[in-house]
Amino acid sequence: MTLPVARPARPGDAAELLRLRAQLHSGLNAPEPWHATFLTEMRERLGTDPNLLAFVTDADGGRLAACAIGLLYRAYDGPIYTGGQWGRIHSVVTAPDHRRQGHGEAVTRALILALQQAGCASVELNATDDGLPLYAKLGFTPADRYLTLHQPLDGGAA
């Protein structure tokens, strides 16, 4: 199968990026204010902030079929983050009517390549069950003991 053509997202894609990303968060009871914040961030940073990378595939009528959004981080040089750079894929979303047509793979490959070209020796993501086969195909492997904290620590100063 020939993959669809992925292109860098532009500030004018912000509303469509929000539409796709909202699908990812549809069951999470995400508060509405993040919509405005996301739109502002995408309009201001796409194409100007070298640490924000996003790729899309186009659909008919000015819509987007898929997107992949990631960030480049500066850590410190070490065995995992050779050169001190690492990337995180924050979201990959394909519109339901464009799934299983290569859109997700096209945008994910474009994002990974851009992160690697920017100097990232490591790229990480948090996969959904639907995304696992694609990420395994691209060479991602599970990371042991990866944990997250989503609440403030209770009691006392550090």
N, C-alpha and C. Protein backbone atom coordinates (compact mmCIF):
# COMPACT_ATOMS: atom_id res chain seq x y z
N MET A 1 0.83 -1.17 0.00
CA MET A 1 0.00 0.00 0.00
C MET A 1 0.88 1.24 0.00
N THR A 2 0.57 2.19 -0.84
CA THR A 2 1.24 3.48 -0.85
C THR A 2 0.61 4.35 0.23
N LEU A 3 1.45 4.92 1.08
CA LEU A 3 0.94 5.75 2.16
C LEU A 3 0.48 7.10 1.65
N PRO A 4 -0.53 7.68 2.27
CA PRO A 4 -0.91 9.06 1.94
C PRO A 4 0.28 9.99 2.21
N VAL A 5 0.26 11.17 1.64
CA VAL A 5 1.34 12.13 1.82
C VAL A 5 1.09 12.96 3.07
N ALA A 6 2.04 12.93 3.99
CA ALA A 6 1.96 13.75 5.20
C ALA A 6 2.69 15.06 4.94
N ARG A 7 2.18 16.12 5.53
CA ARG A 7 2.81 17.44 5.41
C ARG A 7 2.87 18.07 6.80
N PRO A 8 3.78 19.03 7.00
CA PRO A 8 3.80 19.74 8.28
C PRO A 8 2.50 20.51 8.48
N ALA A 9 2.00 20.49 9.70
CA ALA A 9 0.80 21.26 10.02
C ALA A 9 1.14 22.75 10.03
N ARG A 10 0.16 23.55 9.67
CA ARG A 10 0.29 25.00 9.61
C ARG A 10 -0.66 25.64 10.63
N PRO A 11 -0.42 26.90 11.00
CA PRO A 11 -1.33 27.57 11.94
C PRO A 11 -2.79 27.51 11.50
N GLY A 12 -3.06 27.57 10.21
CA GLY A 12 -4.43 27.49 9.71
C GLY A 12 -5.08 26.14 9.92
N ASP A 13 -4.31 25.13 10.30
CA ASP A 13 -4.85 23.79 10.58
C ASP A 13 -5.33 23.65 12.02
N ALA A 14 -5.18 24.68 12.84
CA ALA A 14 -5.44 24.57 14.27
C ALA A 14 -6.84 24.04 14.59
N ALA A 15 -7.86 24.56 13.94
CA ALA A 15 -9.22 24.11 14.24
C ALA A 15 -9.42 22.64 13.89
N GLU A 16 -8.84 22.20 12.79
CA GLU A 16 -8.95 20.79 12.42
C GLU A 16 -8.13 19.90 13.36
N LEU A 17 -6.98 20.39 13.80
CA LEU A 17 -6.21 19.63 14.79
C LEU A 17 -7.02 19.47 16.07
N LEU A 18 -7.71 20.53 16.47
CA LEU A 18 -8.56 20.45 17.65
C LEU A 18 -9.69 19.44 17.43
N ARG A 19 -10.31 19.46 16.27
CA ARG A 19 -11.39 18.51 15.98
C ARG A 19 -10.90 17.08 16.14
N LEU A 20 -9.73 16.78 15.57
CA LEU A 20 -9.18 15.43 15.67
C LEU A 20 -8.79 15.09 17.10
N ARG A 21 -8.11 16.01 17.75
CA ARG A 21 -7.63 15.75 19.10
C ARG A 21 -8.79 15.59 20.08
N ALA A 22 -9.89 16.29 19.86
CA ALA A 22 -11.07 16.14 20.72
C ALA A 22 -11.61 14.72 20.66
N GLN A 23 -11.47 14.05 19.52
CA GLN A 23 -11.89 12.65 19.40
C GLN A 23 -11.10 11.77 20.36
N LEU A 24 -9.83 12.08 20.51
CA LEU A 24 -8.96 11.31 21.39
C LEU A 24 -9.39 11.45 22.85
N HIS A 25 -9.91 12.62 23.20
CA HIS A 25 -10.29 12.91 24.58
C HIS A 25 -11.79 12.81 24.84
N SER A 26 -12.54 12.26 23.90
CA SER A 26 -14.00 12.28 23.98
C SER A 26 -14.55 11.59 25.22
N GLY A 27 -13.91 10.59 25.73
CA GLY A 27 -14.42 9.89 26.90
C GLY A 27 -13.78 10.31 28.21
N LEU A 28 -12.98 11.36 28.20
CA LEU A 28 -12.21 11.72 29.38
C LEU A 28 -12.78 12.87 30.20
N ASN A 29 -13.94 13.40 29.82
CA ASN A 29 -14.52 14.54 30.50
C ASN A 29 -13.54 15.72 30.56
N ALA A 30 -12.85 15.97 29.47
CA ALA A 30 -11.89 17.08 29.42
C ALA A 30 -12.64 18.40 29.52
N PRO A 31 -12.16 19.30 30.37
CA PRO A 31 -12.84 20.60 30.50
C PRO A 31 -12.73 21.42 29.22
N GLU A 32 -13.78 22.16 28.92
CA GLU A 32 -13.82 22.96 27.69
C GLU A 32 -12.70 23.99 27.55
N PRO A 33 -12.20 24.61 28.64
CA PRO A 33 -11.16 25.63 28.44
C PRO A 33 -9.93 25.16 27.68
N TRP A 34 -9.66 23.87 27.69
CA TRP A 34 -8.47 23.42 26.97
C TRP A 34 -8.63 23.62 25.46
N HIS A 35 -9.86 23.68 24.97
CA HIS A 35 -10.07 23.90 23.54
C HIS A 35 -9.47 25.23 23.11
N ALA A 36 -9.80 26.30 23.82
CA ALA A 36 -9.29 27.63 23.47
C ALA A 36 -7.78 27.69 23.63
N THR A 37 -7.27 27.09 24.69
CA THR A 37 -5.83 27.08 24.92
C THR A 37 -5.12 26.33 23.80
N PHE A 38 -5.66 25.19 23.42
CA PHE A 38 -5.06 24.39 22.34
C PHE A 38 -5.04 25.19 21.04
N LEU A 39 -6.16 25.81 20.69
CA LEU A 39 -6.22 26.61 19.45
C LEU A 39 -5.18 27.72 19.47
N THR A 40 -5.09 28.44 20.56
CA THR A 40 -4.12 29.53 20.67
C THR A 40 -2.70 29.01 20.52
N GLU A 41 -2.39 27.94 21.24
CA GLU A 41 -1.05 27.35 21.18
C GLU A 41 -0.69 26.93 19.76
N MET A 42 -1.59 26.24 19.09
CA MET A 42 -1.29 25.76 17.74
C MET A 42 -1.12 26.94 16.77
N ARG A 43 -1.98 27.93 16.87
CA ARG A 43 -1.89 29.09 15.96
C ARG A 43 -0.60 29.86 16.17
N GLU A 44 -0.16 29.98 17.42
CA GLU A 44 1.04 30.75 17.72
C GLU A 44 2.33 29.97 17.46
N ARG A 45 2.31 28.67 17.70
CA ARG A 45 3.57 27.92 17.71
C ARG A 45 3.87 27.13 16.45
N LEU A 46 2.84 26.68 15.72
CA LEU A 46 3.12 25.87 14.53
C LEU A 46 3.94 26.67 13.52
N GLY A 47 5.03 26.10 13.11
CA GLY A 47 5.90 26.74 12.12
C GLY A 47 6.88 27.74 12.70
N THR A 48 6.74 28.08 13.99
CA THR A 48 7.68 29.03 14.59
C THR A 48 8.44 28.44 15.77
N ASP A 49 7.85 27.50 16.47
CA ASP A 49 8.49 26.87 17.63
C ASP A 49 9.13 25.56 17.17
N PRO A 50 10.47 25.51 17.15
CA PRO A 50 11.14 24.29 16.66
C PRO A 50 10.93 23.07 17.55
N ASN A 51 10.38 23.27 18.75
CA ASN A 51 10.16 22.15 19.65
C ASN A 51 8.77 21.54 19.52
N LEU A 52 7.88 22.17 18.75
CA LEU A 52 6.55 21.64 18.49
C LEU A 52 6.50 21.19 17.04
N LEU A 53 6.25 19.91 16.84
CA LEU A 53 6.20 19.34 15.50
C LEU A 53 4.86 18.66 15.31
N ALA A 54 4.24 18.90 14.18
CA ALA A 54 2.96 18.27 13.88
C ALA A 54 2.88 17.99 12.39
N PHE A 55 2.33 16.84 12.06
CA PHE A 55 2.15 16.44 10.67
C PHE A 55 0.72 16.00 10.46
N VAL A 56 0.22 16.24 9.25
CA VAL A 56 -1.17 15.93 8.93
C VAL A 56 -1.25 15.31 7.54
N THR A 57 -2.38 14.64 7.31
CA THR A 57 -2.76 14.26 5.95
C THR A 57 -4.09 14.94 5.68
N ASP A 58 -4.23 15.38 4.45
CA ASP A 58 -5.44 16.11 4.06
C ASP A 58 -6.54 15.18 3.60
N ALA A 59 -7.76 15.62 3.83
CA ALA A 59 -8.96 14.95 3.32
C ALA A 59 -9.68 15.96 2.45
N ASP A 60 -10.82 15.60 1.93
CA ASP A 60 -11.59 16.50 1.07
C ASP A 60 -12.20 17.64 1.87
N GLY A 61 -12.46 18.73 1.18
CA GLY A 61 -13.20 19.84 1.78
C GLY A 61 -12.46 20.60 2.85
N GLY A 62 -11.15 20.62 2.81
CA GLY A 62 -10.38 21.36 3.80
C GLY A 62 -10.26 20.66 5.14
N ARG A 63 -10.72 19.46 5.23
CA ARG A 63 -10.63 18.70 6.48
C ARG A 63 -9.29 17.96 6.52
N LEU A 64 -8.95 17.51 7.72
CA LEU A 64 -7.76 16.68 7.89
C LEU A 64 -8.20 15.24 8.13
N ALA A 65 -7.45 14.31 7.54
CA ALA A 65 -7.73 12.89 7.74
C ALA A 65 -7.04 12.38 9.01
N ALA A 66 -5.85 12.92 9.29
CA ALA A 66 -5.08 12.43 10.44
C ALA A 66 -4.07 13.48 10.87
N CYS A 67 -3.62 13.35 12.13
CA CYS A 67 -2.56 14.22 12.63
C CYS A 67 -1.69 13.46 13.62
N ALA A 68 -0.46 13.89 13.73
CA ALA A 68 0.47 13.42 14.76
C ALA A 68 1.17 14.66 15.30
N ILE A 69 1.12 14.83 16.62
CA ILE A 69 1.69 16.00 17.27
C ILE A 69 2.71 15.53 18.28
N GLY A 70 3.88 16.17 18.26
CA GLY A 70 4.93 15.79 19.19
C GLY A 70 5.76 16.97 19.63
N LEU A 71 6.55 16.74 20.65
CA LEU A 71 7.43 17.77 21.20
C LEU A 71 8.84 17.24 21.33
N LEU A 72 9.77 18.14 21.15
CA LEU A 72 11.19 17.85 21.31
C LEU A 72 11.60 18.41 22.66
N TYR A 73 12.30 17.62 23.45
CA TYR A 73 12.72 18.03 24.78
C TYR A 73 14.24 17.98 24.88
N ARG A 74 14.76 18.84 25.72
CA ARG A 74 16.19 18.85 26.01
C ARG A 74 16.37 18.25 27.39
N ALA A 75 17.12 17.19 27.47
CA ALA A 75 17.42 16.55 28.75
C ALA A 75 18.90 16.76 29.05
N TYR A 76 19.62 15.73 29.25
CA TYR A 76 21.06 15.77 29.40
C TYR A 76 21.61 14.56 28.67
N ASP A 77 22.84 14.67 28.24
CA ASP A 77 23.45 13.58 27.49
C ASP A 77 23.59 12.35 28.38
N GLY A 78 23.19 11.22 27.87
CA GLY A 78 23.29 9.99 28.63
C GLY A 78 23.07 8.80 27.72
N PRO A 79 23.03 7.60 28.28
CA PRO A 79 22.92 6.40 27.44
C PRO A 79 21.60 6.29 26.69
N ILE A 80 20.52 6.85 27.23
CA ILE A 80 19.23 6.79 26.54
C ILE A 80 19.03 8.02 25.67
N TYR A 81 19.39 9.19 26.20
CA TYR A 81 19.19 10.45 25.48
C TYR A 81 20.53 10.92 24.91
N THR A 82 21.06 10.14 24.00
CA THR A 82 22.33 10.49 23.38
C THR A 82 22.21 11.88 22.77
N GLY A 83 23.09 12.78 23.17
CA GLY A 83 23.03 14.15 22.68
C GLY A 83 22.08 15.01 23.50
N GLY A 84 21.35 14.43 24.43
CA GLY A 84 20.50 15.20 25.32
C GLY A 84 19.13 15.54 24.78
N GLN A 85 18.77 15.09 23.60
CA GLN A 85 17.47 15.40 23.04
C GLN A 85 16.59 14.14 23.05
N TRP A 86 15.31 14.32 23.33
CA TRP A 86 14.36 13.22 23.21
C TRP A 86 13.03 13.77 22.74
N GLY A 87 12.26 12.91 22.13
CA GLY A 87 10.97 13.32 21.59
C GLY A 87 9.83 12.57 22.23
N ARG A 88 8.69 13.23 22.27
CA ARG A 88 7.48 12.59 22.79
C ARG A 88 6.36 12.84 21.80
N ILE A 89 5.72 11.76 21.39
CA ILE A 89 4.54 11.86 20.54
C ILE A 89 3.36 12.02 21.47
N HIS A 90 2.70 13.17 21.40
CA HIS A 90 1.58 13.45 22.31
C HIS A 90 0.26 12.91 21.78
N SER A 91 0.08 12.93 20.49
CA SER A 91 -1.16 12.36 19.97
C SER A 91 -1.02 12.01 18.51
N VAL A 92 -1.65 10.91 18.16
CA VAL A 92 -1.84 10.48 16.79
C VAL A 92 -3.33 10.16 16.67
N VAL A 93 -4.01 10.84 15.77
CA VAL A 93 -5.45 10.65 15.63
C VAL A 93 -5.79 10.58 14.15
N THR A 94 -6.60 9.59 13.80
CA THR A 94 -7.13 9.46 12.44
C THR A 94 -8.65 9.55 12.52
N ALA A 95 -9.23 10.37 11.66
CA ALA A 95 -10.69 10.48 11.61
C ALA A 95 -11.27 9.11 11.30
N PRO A 96 -12.39 8.75 11.92
CA PRO A 96 -12.95 7.40 11.75
C PRO A 96 -13.13 6.97 10.30
N ASP A 97 -13.55 7.88 9.43
CA ASP A 97 -13.78 7.48 8.03
C ASP A 97 -12.50 7.37 7.21
N HIS A 98 -11.34 7.61 7.83
CA HIS A 98 -10.06 7.48 7.12
C HIS A 98 -9.15 6.43 7.75
N ARG A 99 -9.68 5.67 8.69
CA ARG A 99 -8.86 4.64 9.36
C ARG A 99 -8.60 3.46 8.44
N ARG A 100 -7.49 2.80 8.72
CA ARG A 100 -7.05 1.61 7.98
C ARG A 100 -6.71 1.93 6.52
N GLN A 101 -6.30 3.18 6.27
CA GLN A 101 -5.91 3.59 4.92
C GLN A 101 -4.48 4.13 4.89
N GLY A 102 -3.75 4.01 6.00
CA GLY A 102 -2.35 4.44 6.05
C GLY A 102 -2.13 5.86 6.54
N HIS A 103 -3.18 6.59 6.87
CA HIS A 103 -3.01 7.98 7.32
C HIS A 103 -2.25 8.06 8.64
N GLY A 104 -2.62 7.24 9.61
CA GLY A 104 -1.93 7.24 10.90
C GLY A 104 -0.46 6.90 10.75
N GLU A 105 -0.17 5.92 9.92
CA GLU A 105 1.23 5.54 9.71
C GLU A 105 1.99 6.67 9.02
N ALA A 106 1.38 7.31 8.04
CA ALA A 106 2.06 8.39 7.31
C ALA A 106 2.44 9.55 8.24
N VAL A 107 1.50 10.00 9.07
CA VAL A 107 1.81 11.13 9.95
C VAL A 107 2.77 10.73 11.06
N THR A 108 2.66 9.50 11.55
CA THR A 108 3.56 9.04 12.61
C THR A 108 4.98 8.91 12.08
N ARG A 109 5.13 8.32 10.90
CA ARG A 109 6.47 8.22 10.30
C ARG A 109 7.09 9.60 10.07
N ALA A 110 6.30 10.54 9.56
CA ALA A 110 6.81 11.89 9.30
C ALA A 110 7.26 12.55 10.61
N LEU A 111 6.48 12.39 11.67
CA LEU A 111 6.83 12.98 12.96
C LEU A 111 8.09 12.35 13.52
N ILE A 112 8.18 11.04 13.49
CA ILE A 112 9.38 10.36 14.01
C ILE A 112 10.61 10.81 13.24
N LEU A 113 10.52 10.85 11.93
CA LEU A 113 11.66 11.28 11.12
C LEU A 113 12.08 12.70 11.49
N ALA A 114 11.12 13.61 11.64
CA ALA A 114 11.43 15.00 12.01
C ALA A 114 12.09 15.07 13.39
N LEU A 115 11.59 14.29 14.34
CA LEU A 115 12.20 14.26 15.67
C LEU A 115 13.62 13.73 15.61
N GLN A 116 13.84 12.68 14.84
CA GLN A 116 15.18 12.13 14.71
C GLN A 116 16.11 13.10 13.99
N GLN A 117 15.62 13.77 12.97
CA GLN A 117 16.45 14.75 12.27
C GLN A 117 16.79 15.94 13.16
N ALA A 118 15.95 16.21 14.17
CA ALA A 118 16.20 17.29 15.12
C ALA A 118 17.18 16.86 16.22
N GLY A 119 17.59 15.60 16.19
CA GLY A 119 18.59 15.12 17.13
C GLY A 119 18.08 14.21 18.23
N CYS A 120 16.84 13.79 18.17
CA CYS A 120 16.29 12.91 19.21
C CYS A 120 16.79 11.48 19.00
N ALA A 121 17.45 10.96 20.01
CA ALA A 121 17.89 9.57 19.96
C ALA A 121 16.82 8.64 20.49
N SER A 122 15.84 9.20 21.20
CA SER A 122 14.77 8.41 21.79
C SER A 122 13.45 9.11 21.54
N VAL A 123 12.43 8.34 21.19
CA VAL A 123 11.08 8.86 20.99
C VAL A 123 10.14 7.98 21.80
N GLU A 124 9.27 8.62 22.60
CA GLU A 124 8.34 7.85 23.42
C GLU A 124 6.91 8.29 23.15
N LEU A 125 6.00 7.44 23.57
CA LEU A 125 4.57 7.74 23.44
C LEU A 125 3.79 6.88 24.40
N ASN A 126 2.56 7.25 24.63
CA ASN A 126 1.62 6.46 25.42
C ASN A 126 0.58 5.95 24.43
N ALA A 127 0.55 4.67 24.20
CA ALA A 127 -0.28 4.09 23.14
C ALA A 127 -1.67 3.71 23.61
N THR A 128 -2.64 3.90 22.73
CA THR A 128 -3.96 3.32 22.94
C THR A 128 -3.93 1.89 22.41
N ASP A 129 -4.92 1.12 22.76
CA ASP A 129 -5.00 -0.26 22.26
C ASP A 129 -5.06 -0.26 20.73
N ASP A 130 -5.81 0.69 20.15
CA ASP A 130 -5.92 0.76 18.68
C ASP A 130 -4.59 1.07 18.02
N GLY A 131 -3.74 1.85 18.70
CA GLY A 131 -2.48 2.25 18.11
C GLY A 131 -1.34 1.25 18.27
N LEU A 132 -1.48 0.31 19.19
CA LEU A 132 -0.39 -0.62 19.47
C LEU A 132 0.16 -1.34 18.24
N PRO A 133 -0.67 -1.88 17.34
CA PRO A 133 -0.10 -2.57 16.18
C PRO A 133 0.77 -1.66 15.30
N LEU A 134 0.33 -0.42 15.11
CA LEU A 134 1.13 0.51 14.30
C LEU A 134 2.46 0.79 14.97
N TYR A 135 2.44 1.08 16.26
CA TYR A 135 3.69 1.43 16.95
C TYR A 135 4.64 0.25 17.00
N ALA A 136 4.11 -0.96 17.17
CA ALA A 136 4.97 -2.15 17.13
C ALA A 136 5.58 -2.30 15.74
N LYS A 137 4.79 -2.06 14.69
CA LYS A 137 5.29 -2.14 13.32
C LYS A 137 6.44 -1.16 13.09
N LEU A 138 6.36 0.01 13.73
CA LEU A 138 7.38 1.04 13.56
C LEU A 138 8.60 0.83 14.46
N GLY A 139 8.54 -0.18 15.35
CA GLY A 139 9.70 -0.51 16.17
C GLY A 139 9.62 -0.09 17.62
N PHE A 140 8.51 0.45 18.07
CA PHE A 140 8.37 0.82 19.48
C PHE A 140 8.26 -0.45 20.33
N THR A 141 8.84 -0.39 21.50
CA THR A 141 8.75 -1.49 22.46
C THR A 141 8.29 -0.93 23.80
N PRO A 142 7.65 -1.77 24.62
CA PRO A 142 7.19 -1.29 25.94
C PRO A 142 8.37 -0.87 26.82
N ALA A 143 8.15 0.15 27.63
CA ALA A 143 9.16 0.60 28.59
C ALA A 143 8.74 0.14 29.99
N ASP A 144 9.62 -0.59 30.62
CA ASP A 144 9.33 -1.08 31.97
C ASP A 144 9.29 0.06 32.98
N ARG A 145 8.38 -0.06 33.92
CA ARG A 145 8.29 0.82 35.08
C ARG A 145 8.02 2.28 34.74
N TYR A 146 7.45 2.57 33.62
CA TYR A 146 7.08 3.94 33.28
C TYR A 146 5.82 4.29 34.06
N LEU A 147 5.89 5.33 34.86
CA LEU A 147 4.78 5.75 35.72
C LEU A 147 4.45 7.21 35.46
N THR A 148 3.25 7.63 35.83
CA THR A 148 2.88 9.03 35.74
C THR A 148 2.20 9.45 37.05
N LEU A 149 2.26 10.74 37.34
CA LEU A 149 1.61 11.32 38.50
C LEU A 149 0.71 12.44 37.99
N HIS A 150 -0.58 12.38 38.28
CA HIS A 150 -1.54 13.36 37.78
C HIS A 150 -2.23 14.12 38.91
N GLN A 151 -1.63 14.17 40.06
CA GLN A 151 -2.24 14.90 41.18
C GLN A 151 -1.13 15.54 41.99
N PRO A 152 -1.47 16.59 42.72
CA PRO A 152 -0.44 17.23 43.56
C PRO A 152 -0.05 16.33 44.71
N LEU A 153 1.20 16.46 45.13
CA LEU A 153 1.65 15.73 46.32
C LEU A 153 0.96 16.32 47.53
N ASP A 154 0.62 15.47 48.47
CA ASP A 154 -0.02 15.94 49.69
C ASP A 154 1.04 16.28 50.74
N GLY A 155 0.77 17.35 51.43
CA GLY A 155 1.51 17.70 52.64
C GLY A 155 2.96 18.09 52.49
N GLY A 156 3.32 19.21 52.97
CA GLY A 156 4.71 19.58 53.20
C GLY A 156 5.48 20.06 52.00
N ALA A 157 6.49 20.81 52.29
CA ALA A 157 7.41 21.33 51.28
C ALA A 157 8.56 20.36 51.10
N ALA A 158 9.23 20.52 50.00
CA ALA A 158 10.37 19.63 49.71
C ALA A 158 11.56 20.00 50.54
